[in-house]
Amino acid sequence: YSFFLQATAQTVVLVGANLIEAVLAAWLTRRVLGTHLKLRTLRSFVRLQLFAVAPTCLATAVLVTMVMAATTSPDHSLTLAAAVGWQWFVAHALGLGAILSTLLLLIQPAQGPQRSLGEHVVVITALTVFAYILLHQTVVPTASFLIPMVILAGLRLGPKGASIGSIVVAAIGVPVVLHGAGPFMRHADWPIA
């Protein structure tokens, strides 16, 4: 019975920490980028990561670490809590940094020459097909060939194209990896770097 209460309390805290993280990230993003939320330069991107994403993830990681230390057995509490806190910080900083930047790029008004809807459809469809093919085969580690294709989408369609391309690749790649499949998962002896 106490295990159930402990697990329930930890679940509530983790969900609460995620909500706190979302609200804090939104507030800090407005403070860092201003009310127009313009992410146009490398400087604004770095400021967003350093002054909105990192402090948000650090604050929630500390909260999660403290709760885990208080709710686990005393003999493993500090080690387990520190490991969970560190994993929380790294995972959430990477995820929040990527997703927040992508969403900010998607909501910004377009700059420069506008591409036709047809070109958008062709480029994103081609990226989708290639991502599906490359991520579902296991003969050679070809997933890294997607990087130039996402760059091409960014060059042809601008930041929104790169953002949409990244979302497409993630939407196809995440389920593949979660099922233990894909080119890098099947052959551990292939060097990735």
N, C-alpha and C. Protein backbone atom coordinates (compact mmCIF):
# COMPACT_ATOMS: atom_id res chain seq x y z
N TYR A 1 0.83 -1.20 0.00
CA TYR A 1 0.00 0.00 0.00
C TYR A 1 0.87 1.26 0.00
N SER A 2 1.97 1.24 0.76
CA SER A 2 2.83 2.42 0.79
C SER A 2 3.54 2.63 -0.54
N PHE A 3 3.85 1.52 -1.26
CA PHE A 3 4.46 1.66 -2.59
C PHE A 3 3.51 2.39 -3.53
N PHE A 4 2.22 2.06 -3.46
CA PHE A 4 1.22 2.71 -4.30
C PHE A 4 1.16 4.20 -3.99
N LEU A 5 1.16 4.55 -2.71
CA LEU A 5 1.13 5.97 -2.33
C LEU A 5 2.40 6.69 -2.77
N GLN A 6 3.54 6.03 -2.63
CA GLN A 6 4.81 6.63 -3.04
C GLN A 6 4.82 6.86 -4.56
N ALA A 7 4.39 5.86 -5.32
CA ALA A 7 4.35 5.98 -6.78
C ALA A 7 3.36 7.06 -7.21
N THR A 8 2.22 7.12 -6.55
CA THR A 8 1.22 8.14 -6.87
C THR A 8 1.76 9.53 -6.57
N ALA A 9 2.41 9.69 -5.44
CA ALA A 9 2.98 11.00 -5.08
C ALA A 9 4.06 11.41 -6.07
N GLN A 10 4.90 10.49 -6.46
CA GLN A 10 5.95 10.82 -7.43
C GLN A 10 5.35 11.18 -8.79
N THR A 11 4.30 10.48 -9.19
CA THR A 11 3.64 10.79 -10.46
C THR A 11 3.03 12.18 -10.43
N VAL A 12 2.36 12.51 -9.35
CA VAL A 12 1.76 13.84 -9.21
C VAL A 12 2.84 14.92 -9.26
N VAL A 13 3.95 14.67 -8.59
CA VAL A 13 5.04 15.64 -8.59
C VAL A 13 5.64 15.80 -9.98
N LEU A 14 5.83 14.71 -10.70
CA LEU A 14 6.40 14.79 -12.04
C LEU A 14 5.47 15.53 -13.00
N VAL A 15 4.19 15.27 -12.91
CA VAL A 15 3.23 16.00 -13.74
C VAL A 15 3.22 17.47 -13.34
N GLY A 16 3.23 17.74 -12.05
CA GLY A 16 3.29 19.13 -11.58
C GLY A 16 4.56 19.83 -12.03
N ALA A 17 5.68 19.12 -11.98
CA ALA A 17 6.95 19.71 -12.43
C ALA A 17 6.90 20.04 -13.92
N ASN A 18 6.26 19.18 -14.72
CA ASN A 18 6.11 19.47 -16.14
C ASN A 18 5.25 20.71 -16.36
N LEU A 19 4.19 20.84 -15.59
CA LEU A 19 3.34 22.04 -15.72
C LEU A 19 4.09 23.30 -15.30
N ILE A 20 4.83 23.20 -14.20
CA ILE A 20 5.64 24.33 -13.75
C ILE A 20 6.67 24.69 -14.82
N GLU A 21 7.27 23.68 -15.41
CA GLU A 21 8.27 23.90 -16.45
C GLU A 21 7.66 24.63 -17.65
N ALA A 22 6.47 24.23 -18.06
CA ALA A 22 5.82 24.88 -19.21
C ALA A 22 5.51 26.34 -18.91
N VAL A 23 4.95 26.62 -17.74
CA VAL A 23 4.60 27.99 -17.37
C VAL A 23 5.85 28.85 -17.21
N LEU A 24 6.85 28.32 -16.53
CA LEU A 24 8.09 29.06 -16.33
C LEU A 24 8.81 29.32 -17.66
N ALA A 25 8.82 28.33 -18.54
CA ALA A 25 9.46 28.52 -19.86
C ALA A 25 8.74 29.59 -20.66
N ALA A 26 7.41 29.59 -20.63
CA ALA A 26 6.65 30.62 -21.35
C ALA A 26 6.94 32.01 -20.79
N TRP A 27 6.95 32.12 -19.47
CA TRP A 27 7.22 33.42 -18.84
C TRP A 27 8.64 33.91 -19.16
N LEU A 28 9.62 33.03 -19.00
CA LEU A 28 11.01 33.42 -19.27
C LEU A 28 11.24 33.71 -20.75
N THR A 29 10.57 32.99 -21.62
CA THR A 29 10.72 33.25 -23.05
C THR A 29 10.24 34.65 -23.39
N ARG A 30 9.14 35.06 -22.83
CA ARG A 30 8.65 36.44 -23.05
C ARG A 30 9.62 37.47 -22.48
N ARG A 31 10.21 37.17 -21.36
CA ARG A 31 11.19 38.09 -20.75
C ARG A 31 12.46 38.18 -21.59
N VAL A 32 12.89 37.07 -22.17
CA VAL A 32 14.14 37.04 -22.92
C VAL A 32 13.97 37.59 -24.33
N LEU A 33 12.89 37.20 -25.01
CA LEU A 33 12.71 37.58 -26.42
C LEU A 33 11.78 38.77 -26.62
N GLY A 34 11.09 39.19 -25.58
CA GLY A 34 10.15 40.29 -25.72
C GLY A 34 8.76 39.76 -26.06
N THR A 35 7.81 40.66 -26.15
CA THR A 35 6.42 40.25 -26.36
C THR A 35 6.16 39.73 -27.76
N HIS A 36 7.00 40.09 -28.73
CA HIS A 36 6.80 39.62 -30.10
C HIS A 36 7.41 38.25 -30.36
N LEU A 37 8.18 37.74 -29.41
CA LEU A 37 8.78 36.41 -29.48
C LEU A 37 9.56 36.18 -30.77
N LYS A 38 10.40 37.13 -31.13
CA LYS A 38 11.17 37.00 -32.37
C LYS A 38 12.46 36.24 -32.12
N LEU A 39 12.62 35.19 -32.90
CA LEU A 39 13.82 34.36 -32.83
C LEU A 39 14.46 34.45 -34.21
N ARG A 40 15.22 35.52 -34.44
CA ARG A 40 15.74 35.80 -35.78
C ARG A 40 17.26 35.63 -35.90
N THR A 41 17.98 35.66 -34.81
CA THR A 41 19.44 35.63 -34.89
C THR A 41 20.00 34.53 -34.00
N LEU A 42 21.25 34.22 -34.23
CA LEU A 42 21.93 33.25 -33.38
C LEU A 42 21.99 33.78 -31.94
N ARG A 43 22.18 35.07 -31.81
CA ARG A 43 22.24 35.68 -30.47
C ARG A 43 20.93 35.46 -29.71
N SER A 44 19.80 35.67 -30.38
CA SER A 44 18.52 35.47 -29.69
C SER A 44 18.30 33.99 -29.37
N PHE A 45 18.78 33.10 -30.24
CA PHE A 45 18.68 31.67 -29.96
C PHE A 45 19.50 31.29 -28.73
N VAL A 46 20.73 31.78 -28.66
CA VAL A 46 21.61 31.48 -27.51
C VAL A 46 21.01 32.07 -26.24
N ARG A 47 20.49 33.29 -26.32
CA ARG A 47 19.86 33.91 -25.14
C ARG A 47 18.66 33.08 -24.68
N LEU A 48 17.88 32.59 -25.62
CA LEU A 48 16.73 31.75 -25.27
C LEU A 48 17.18 30.49 -24.53
N GLN A 49 18.23 29.84 -25.04
CA GLN A 49 18.71 28.62 -24.41
C GLN A 49 19.30 28.88 -23.03
N LEU A 50 20.10 29.95 -22.91
CA LEU A 50 20.79 30.23 -21.64
C LEU A 50 19.89 30.83 -20.57
N PHE A 51 18.96 31.69 -20.98
CA PHE A 51 18.19 32.44 -19.98
C PHE A 51 16.73 32.03 -19.86
N ALA A 52 16.28 31.10 -20.69
CA ALA A 52 14.91 30.59 -20.55
C ALA A 52 14.91 29.08 -20.37
N VAL A 53 15.54 28.35 -21.29
CA VAL A 53 15.50 26.89 -21.25
C VAL A 53 16.31 26.33 -20.08
N ALA A 54 17.58 26.72 -19.98
CA ALA A 54 18.44 26.17 -18.92
C ALA A 54 17.92 26.46 -17.52
N PRO A 55 17.55 27.71 -17.19
CA PRO A 55 17.05 27.94 -15.83
C PRO A 55 15.74 27.20 -15.54
N THR A 56 14.88 27.10 -16.53
CA THR A 56 13.62 26.39 -16.35
C THR A 56 13.88 24.92 -16.04
N CYS A 57 14.71 24.29 -16.84
CA CYS A 57 14.99 22.87 -16.65
C CYS A 57 15.77 22.62 -15.36
N LEU A 58 16.66 23.53 -15.02
CA LEU A 58 17.41 23.40 -13.77
C LEU A 58 16.47 23.50 -12.57
N ALA A 59 15.56 24.45 -12.59
CA ALA A 59 14.62 24.62 -11.47
C ALA A 59 13.75 23.39 -11.28
N THR A 60 13.22 22.86 -12.37
CA THR A 60 12.36 21.68 -12.23
C THR A 60 13.18 20.44 -11.89
N ALA A 61 14.42 20.36 -12.37
CA ALA A 61 15.28 19.22 -12.01
C ALA A 61 15.59 19.23 -10.52
N VAL A 62 15.84 20.40 -9.96
CA VAL A 62 16.08 20.51 -8.51
C VAL A 62 14.83 20.10 -7.74
N LEU A 63 13.67 20.55 -8.19
CA LEU A 63 12.41 20.18 -7.54
C LEU A 63 12.21 18.66 -7.57
N VAL A 64 12.41 18.07 -8.73
CA VAL A 64 12.24 16.62 -8.87
C VAL A 64 13.26 15.88 -8.02
N THR A 65 14.50 16.35 -7.99
CA THR A 65 15.54 15.72 -7.18
C THR A 65 15.17 15.75 -5.70
N MET A 66 14.69 16.90 -5.22
CA MET A 66 14.30 17.01 -3.81
C MET A 66 13.15 16.08 -3.47
N VAL A 67 12.15 16.01 -4.35
CA VAL A 67 11.01 15.15 -4.08
C VAL A 67 11.42 13.68 -4.13
N MET A 68 12.25 13.32 -5.09
CA MET A 68 12.71 11.93 -5.17
C MET A 68 13.52 11.55 -3.94
N ALA A 69 14.36 12.47 -3.46
CA ALA A 69 15.16 12.19 -2.26
C ALA A 69 14.27 12.01 -1.04
N ALA A 70 13.18 12.76 -1.00
CA ALA A 70 12.28 12.68 0.16
C ALA A 70 11.35 11.47 0.11
N THR A 71 11.09 10.94 -1.10
CA THR A 71 10.08 9.87 -1.20
C THR A 71 10.68 8.49 -1.48
N THR A 72 11.98 8.36 -1.58
CA THR A 72 12.57 7.04 -1.81
C THR A 72 13.20 6.53 -0.52
N SER A 73 13.62 5.29 -0.55
CA SER A 73 14.20 4.69 0.66
C SER A 73 15.48 5.43 1.04
N PRO A 74 15.75 5.58 2.32
CA PRO A 74 16.90 6.37 2.78
C PRO A 74 18.25 5.85 2.30
N ASP A 75 18.39 4.55 2.10
CA ASP A 75 19.70 4.02 1.72
C ASP A 75 20.06 4.33 0.26
N HIS A 76 19.07 4.59 -0.59
CA HIS A 76 19.35 4.88 -2.00
C HIS A 76 18.87 6.27 -2.41
N SER A 77 18.35 7.04 -1.47
CA SER A 77 17.64 8.27 -1.84
C SER A 77 18.52 9.29 -2.56
N LEU A 78 19.70 9.57 -2.06
CA LEU A 78 20.53 10.61 -2.66
C LEU A 78 21.06 10.21 -4.03
N THR A 79 21.52 8.98 -4.15
CA THR A 79 22.05 8.50 -5.43
C THR A 79 20.97 8.46 -6.49
N LEU A 80 19.84 7.89 -6.15
CA LEU A 80 18.72 7.79 -7.09
C LEU A 80 18.20 9.18 -7.45
N ALA A 81 18.03 10.02 -6.46
CA ALA A 81 17.50 11.36 -6.71
C ALA A 81 18.42 12.18 -7.60
N ALA A 82 19.73 12.09 -7.36
CA ALA A 82 20.69 12.82 -8.19
C ALA A 82 20.66 12.31 -9.63
N ALA A 83 20.57 11.00 -9.80
CA ALA A 83 20.51 10.42 -11.15
C ALA A 83 19.24 10.86 -11.87
N VAL A 84 18.11 10.82 -11.18
CA VAL A 84 16.85 11.24 -11.79
C VAL A 84 16.90 12.73 -12.12
N GLY A 85 17.42 13.54 -11.21
CA GLY A 85 17.51 14.98 -11.45
C GLY A 85 18.39 15.32 -12.64
N TRP A 86 19.55 14.65 -12.74
CA TRP A 86 20.45 14.89 -13.86
C TRP A 86 19.80 14.46 -15.18
N GLN A 87 19.18 13.28 -15.20
CA GLN A 87 18.51 12.82 -16.40
C GLN A 87 17.36 13.75 -16.77
N TRP A 88 16.63 14.22 -15.79
CA TRP A 88 15.54 15.17 -16.04
C TRP A 88 16.09 16.42 -16.69
N PHE A 89 17.15 16.99 -16.12
CA PHE A 89 17.71 18.23 -16.65
C PHE A 89 18.16 18.05 -18.10
N VAL A 90 18.95 17.03 -18.37
CA VAL A 90 19.49 16.83 -19.72
C VAL A 90 18.37 16.58 -20.72
N ALA A 91 17.47 15.66 -20.40
CA ALA A 91 16.39 15.34 -21.34
C ALA A 91 15.48 16.53 -21.58
N HIS A 92 15.13 17.23 -20.54
CA HIS A 92 14.21 18.35 -20.70
C HIS A 92 14.89 19.56 -21.34
N ALA A 93 16.16 19.77 -21.06
CA ALA A 93 16.86 20.89 -21.71
C ALA A 93 16.98 20.64 -23.21
N LEU A 94 17.32 19.42 -23.59
CA LEU A 94 17.41 19.11 -25.02
C LEU A 94 16.04 19.20 -25.69
N GLY A 95 15.05 18.60 -25.07
CA GLY A 95 13.71 18.62 -25.65
C GLY A 95 13.09 20.00 -25.70
N LEU A 96 13.14 20.70 -24.58
CA LEU A 96 12.55 22.04 -24.53
C LEU A 96 13.30 23.00 -25.44
N GLY A 97 14.63 22.89 -25.48
CA GLY A 97 15.41 23.76 -26.35
C GLY A 97 15.06 23.57 -27.81
N ALA A 98 14.89 22.33 -28.22
CA ALA A 98 14.56 22.05 -29.62
C ALA A 98 13.11 22.40 -29.95
N ILE A 99 12.19 21.97 -29.12
CA ILE A 99 10.77 22.18 -29.42
C ILE A 99 10.39 23.65 -29.30
N LEU A 100 10.87 24.34 -28.28
CA LEU A 100 10.54 25.75 -28.11
C LEU A 100 11.06 26.57 -29.28
N SER A 101 12.29 26.30 -29.71
CA SER A 101 12.85 27.01 -30.85
C SER A 101 12.06 26.73 -32.11
N THR A 102 11.69 25.48 -32.32
CA THR A 102 10.92 25.10 -33.50
C THR A 102 9.56 25.79 -33.51
N LEU A 103 8.87 25.78 -32.39
CA LEU A 103 7.56 26.42 -32.32
C LEU A 103 7.65 27.93 -32.53
N LEU A 104 8.68 28.55 -31.97
CA LEU A 104 8.85 29.98 -32.16
C LEU A 104 9.12 30.31 -33.64
N LEU A 105 9.88 29.47 -34.32
CA LEU A 105 10.12 29.69 -35.74
C LEU A 105 8.84 29.50 -36.56
N LEU A 106 8.02 28.56 -36.17
CA LEU A 106 6.79 28.31 -36.92
C LEU A 106 5.77 29.43 -36.80
N ILE A 107 5.74 30.14 -35.67
CA ILE A 107 4.73 31.20 -35.49
C ILE A 107 5.19 32.56 -36.01
N GLN A 108 6.44 32.66 -36.44
CA GLN A 108 6.94 33.95 -36.90
C GLN A 108 6.50 34.21 -38.34
N PRO A 109 6.28 35.50 -38.65
CA PRO A 109 5.93 35.82 -40.03
C PRO A 109 7.11 35.52 -40.96
N ALA A 110 6.79 35.15 -42.18
CA ALA A 110 7.82 34.78 -43.15
C ALA A 110 8.63 36.00 -43.57
N GLN A 111 9.90 35.76 -43.88
CA GLN A 111 10.80 36.80 -44.36
C GLN A 111 11.33 36.38 -45.71
N GLY A 112 11.73 37.35 -46.52
CA GLY A 112 12.38 37.05 -47.79
C GLY A 112 11.39 36.54 -48.82
N PRO A 113 11.93 35.95 -49.89
CA PRO A 113 11.06 35.47 -50.97
C PRO A 113 10.18 34.31 -50.51
N GLN A 114 8.94 34.35 -50.93
CA GLN A 114 7.99 33.32 -50.54
C GLN A 114 7.96 32.22 -51.60
N ARG A 115 8.02 30.99 -51.17
CA ARG A 115 7.94 29.85 -52.07
C ARG A 115 6.48 29.47 -52.26
N SER A 116 6.20 28.86 -53.38
CA SER A 116 4.83 28.45 -53.68
C SER A 116 4.41 27.29 -52.80
N LEU A 117 3.11 27.12 -52.67
CA LEU A 117 2.56 26.01 -51.91
C LEU A 117 2.99 24.69 -52.54
N GLY A 118 3.05 24.66 -53.86
CA GLY A 118 3.49 23.44 -54.55
C GLY A 118 4.90 23.03 -54.16
N GLU A 119 5.81 24.02 -54.08
CA GLU A 119 7.18 23.70 -53.68
C GLU A 119 7.23 23.19 -52.24
N HIS A 120 6.44 23.80 -51.36
CA HIS A 120 6.36 23.31 -49.99
C HIS A 120 5.92 21.85 -49.96
N VAL A 121 4.87 21.55 -50.70
CA VAL A 121 4.32 20.19 -50.71
C VAL A 121 5.35 19.21 -51.27
N VAL A 122 6.03 19.57 -52.36
CA VAL A 122 7.01 18.66 -52.97
C VAL A 122 8.18 18.41 -52.03
N VAL A 123 8.75 19.47 -51.45
CA VAL A 123 9.92 19.32 -50.58
C VAL A 123 9.58 18.52 -49.33
N ILE A 124 8.49 18.84 -48.67
CA ILE A 124 8.12 18.14 -47.43
C ILE A 124 7.70 16.70 -47.73
N THR A 125 7.01 16.46 -48.84
CA THR A 125 6.63 15.10 -49.21
C THR A 125 7.87 14.27 -49.52
N ALA A 126 8.81 14.83 -50.26
CA ALA A 126 10.05 14.11 -50.57
C ALA A 126 10.81 13.78 -49.28
N LEU A 127 10.89 14.75 -48.38
CA LEU A 127 11.57 14.51 -47.10
C LEU A 127 10.86 13.41 -46.32
N THR A 128 9.54 13.42 -46.32
CA THR A 128 8.76 12.39 -45.61
C THR A 128 9.03 11.00 -46.19
N VAL A 129 9.01 10.89 -47.51
CA VAL A 129 9.24 9.59 -48.15
C VAL A 129 10.66 9.10 -47.87
N PHE A 130 11.64 9.97 -48.05
CA PHE A 130 13.03 9.56 -47.80
C PHE A 130 13.25 9.21 -46.33
N ALA A 131 12.67 9.97 -45.42
CA ALA A 131 12.81 9.67 -44.00
C ALA A 131 12.22 8.31 -43.69
N TYR A 132 11.06 8.02 -44.24
CA TYR A 132 10.42 6.73 -43.99
C TYR A 132 11.30 5.59 -44.51
N ILE A 133 11.79 5.74 -45.74
CA ILE A 133 12.62 4.70 -46.34
C ILE A 133 13.93 4.52 -45.57
N LEU A 134 14.61 5.62 -45.29
CA LEU A 134 15.92 5.55 -44.64
C LEU A 134 15.84 5.05 -43.20
N LEU A 135 14.77 5.39 -42.50
CA LEU A 135 14.67 5.00 -41.10
C LEU A 135 14.07 3.61 -40.90
N HIS A 136 13.49 3.05 -41.94
CA HIS A 136 12.90 1.71 -41.81
C HIS A 136 13.74 0.60 -42.41
N GLN A 137 14.91 0.89 -42.91
CA GLN A 137 15.77 -0.16 -43.44
C GLN A 137 16.87 -0.46 -42.45
N THR A 138 17.48 -1.65 -42.59
CA THR A 138 18.52 -2.05 -41.64
C THR A 138 19.78 -2.55 -42.34
N VAL A 139 19.92 -2.28 -43.61
CA VAL A 139 21.08 -2.77 -44.35
C VAL A 139 22.32 -1.95 -44.04
N VAL A 140 22.20 -0.65 -44.10
CA VAL A 140 23.33 0.25 -43.80
C VAL A 140 22.81 1.40 -42.93
N PRO A 141 23.70 2.06 -42.16
CA PRO A 141 23.26 3.18 -41.31
C PRO A 141 23.08 4.46 -42.12
N THR A 142 21.94 4.59 -42.77
CA THR A 142 21.70 5.72 -43.67
C THR A 142 20.93 6.87 -43.04
N ALA A 143 20.59 6.77 -41.78
CA ALA A 143 19.78 7.82 -41.17
C ALA A 143 20.47 9.17 -41.20
N SER A 144 21.79 9.18 -41.17
CA SER A 144 22.51 10.46 -41.21
C SER A 144 22.36 11.17 -42.54
N PHE A 145 21.90 10.47 -43.58
CA PHE A 145 21.65 11.12 -44.86
C PHE A 145 20.46 12.07 -44.79
N LEU A 146 19.70 12.01 -43.72
CA LEU A 146 18.56 12.91 -43.57
C LEU A 146 18.99 14.34 -43.25
N ILE A 147 20.16 14.51 -42.65
CA ILE A 147 20.61 15.84 -42.26
C ILE A 147 20.70 16.78 -43.45
N PRO A 148 21.37 16.39 -44.55
CA PRO A 148 21.39 17.29 -45.71
C PRO A 148 20.01 17.57 -46.28
N MET A 149 19.11 16.59 -46.16
CA MET A 149 17.76 16.79 -46.69
C MET A 149 16.98 17.81 -45.86
N VAL A 150 17.17 17.80 -44.55
CA VAL A 150 16.53 18.80 -43.69
C VAL A 150 17.15 20.17 -43.97
N ILE A 151 18.47 20.20 -44.19
CA ILE A 151 19.13 21.47 -44.55
C ILE A 151 18.58 21.98 -45.87
N LEU A 152 18.38 21.10 -46.83
CA LEU A 152 17.80 21.51 -48.11
C LEU A 152 16.41 22.10 -47.91
N ALA A 153 15.61 21.47 -47.07
CA ALA A 153 14.28 22.02 -46.77
C ALA A 153 14.41 23.40 -46.16
N GLY A 154 15.39 23.59 -45.28
CA GLY A 154 15.60 24.90 -44.68
C GLY A 154 16.06 25.94 -45.69
N LEU A 155 16.94 25.53 -46.60
CA LEU A 155 17.42 26.48 -47.61
C LEU A 155 16.33 26.84 -48.61
N ARG A 156 15.51 25.88 -48.99
CA ARG A 156 14.46 26.16 -49.97
C ARG A 156 13.26 26.86 -49.34
N LEU A 157 12.91 26.46 -48.13
CA LEU A 157 11.67 26.94 -47.52
C LEU A 157 11.88 27.87 -46.33
N GLY A 158 13.12 28.11 -45.94
CA GLY A 158 13.41 29.01 -44.83
C GLY A 158 13.32 28.30 -43.49
N PRO A 159 13.37 29.06 -42.40
CA PRO A 159 13.34 28.47 -41.06
C PRO A 159 12.09 27.62 -40.81
N LYS A 160 10.96 28.04 -41.36
CA LYS A 160 9.75 27.23 -41.18
C LYS A 160 9.89 25.88 -41.87
N GLY A 161 10.54 25.87 -43.03
CA GLY A 161 10.75 24.62 -43.74
C GLY A 161 11.66 23.69 -42.95
N ALA A 162 12.72 24.24 -42.37
CA ALA A 162 13.61 23.43 -41.54
C ALA A 162 12.87 22.91 -40.31
N SER A 163 12.03 23.74 -39.72
CA SER A 163 11.26 23.31 -38.55
C SER A 163 10.28 22.21 -38.90
N ILE A 164 9.56 22.39 -39.99
CA ILE A 164 8.60 21.37 -40.42
C ILE A 164 9.34 20.08 -40.80
N GLY A 165 10.47 20.22 -41.48
CA GLY A 165 11.27 19.05 -41.85
C GLY A 165 11.75 18.29 -40.63
N SER A 166 12.20 19.00 -39.61
CA SER A 166 12.65 18.36 -38.38
C SER A 166 11.50 17.64 -37.68
N ILE A 167 10.35 18.26 -37.67
CA ILE A 167 9.17 17.64 -37.04
C ILE A 167 8.79 16.37 -37.80
N VAL A 168 8.84 16.41 -39.14
CA VAL A 168 8.52 15.23 -39.95
C VAL A 168 9.49 14.09 -39.64
N VAL A 169 10.78 14.39 -39.62
CA VAL A 169 11.78 13.35 -39.34
C VAL A 169 11.58 12.79 -37.94
N ALA A 170 11.31 13.65 -36.97
CA ALA A 170 11.08 13.18 -35.60
C ALA A 170 9.81 12.33 -35.52
N ALA A 171 8.76 12.75 -36.20
CA ALA A 171 7.49 12.00 -36.16
C ALA A 171 7.66 10.61 -36.76
N ILE A 172 8.53 10.48 -37.74
CA ILE A 172 8.78 9.17 -38.34
C ILE A 172 9.81 8.39 -37.52
N GLY A 173 10.85 9.07 -37.04
CA GLY A 173 11.95 8.39 -36.37
C GLY A 173 11.69 7.95 -34.95
N VAL A 174 10.95 8.72 -34.19
CA VAL A 174 10.73 8.37 -32.78
C VAL A 174 10.00 7.03 -32.63
N PRO A 175 8.90 6.79 -33.34
CA PRO A 175 8.26 5.47 -33.20
C PRO A 175 9.17 4.31 -33.63
N VAL A 176 10.00 4.55 -34.65
CA VAL A 176 10.92 3.50 -35.11
C VAL A 176 11.90 3.14 -33.99
N VAL A 177 12.48 4.15 -33.36
CA VAL A 177 13.45 3.92 -32.29
C VAL A 177 12.77 3.31 -31.07
N LEU A 178 11.57 3.78 -30.73
CA LEU A 178 10.86 3.24 -29.57
C LEU A 178 10.54 1.75 -29.74
N HIS A 179 10.41 1.30 -30.97
CA HIS A 179 10.15 -0.12 -31.23
C HIS A 179 11.45 -0.91 -31.40
N GLY A 180 12.59 -0.27 -31.13
CA GLY A 180 13.87 -0.96 -31.21
C GLY A 180 14.29 -1.29 -32.63
N ALA A 181 13.81 -0.54 -33.59
CA ALA A 181 14.13 -0.80 -34.99
C ALA A 181 14.98 0.34 -35.55
N GLY A 182 15.14 0.33 -36.85
CA GLY A 182 15.89 1.39 -37.50
C GLY A 182 17.33 1.02 -37.76
N PRO A 183 18.00 1.80 -38.58
CA PRO A 183 19.34 1.44 -39.02
C PRO A 183 20.40 1.42 -37.91
N PHE A 184 20.32 2.29 -36.93
CA PHE A 184 21.34 2.32 -35.89
C PHE A 184 21.04 1.37 -34.75
N MET A 185 19.80 1.01 -34.56
CA MET A 185 19.42 0.15 -33.44
C MET A 185 19.74 -1.32 -33.70
N ARG A 186 19.71 -1.76 -34.91
CA ARG A 186 19.87 -3.18 -35.22
C ARG A 186 21.33 -3.63 -35.25
N HIS A 187 22.24 -2.70 -35.53
CA HIS A 187 23.63 -3.08 -35.69
C HIS A 187 24.50 -2.22 -34.79
N ALA A 188 24.71 -2.69 -33.57
CA ALA A 188 25.47 -1.90 -32.59
C ALA A 188 26.93 -1.73 -32.98
N ASP A 189 27.43 -2.59 -33.85
CA ASP A 189 28.85 -2.50 -34.22
C ASP A 189 29.11 -1.42 -35.28
N TRP A 190 28.09 -0.83 -35.86
CA TRP A 190 28.30 0.25 -36.82
C TRP A 190 28.73 1.51 -36.08
N PRO A 191 29.81 2.13 -36.46
CA PRO A 191 30.20 3.38 -35.81
C PRO A 191 29.28 4.51 -36.28
N ILE A 192 28.78 5.28 -35.34
CA ILE A 192 27.88 6.38 -35.68
C ILE A 192 28.68 7.65 -35.91
N ALA A 193 29.75 7.85 -35.16
CA ALA A 193 30.53 9.09 -35.30
C ALA A 193 31.54 8.98 -36.42
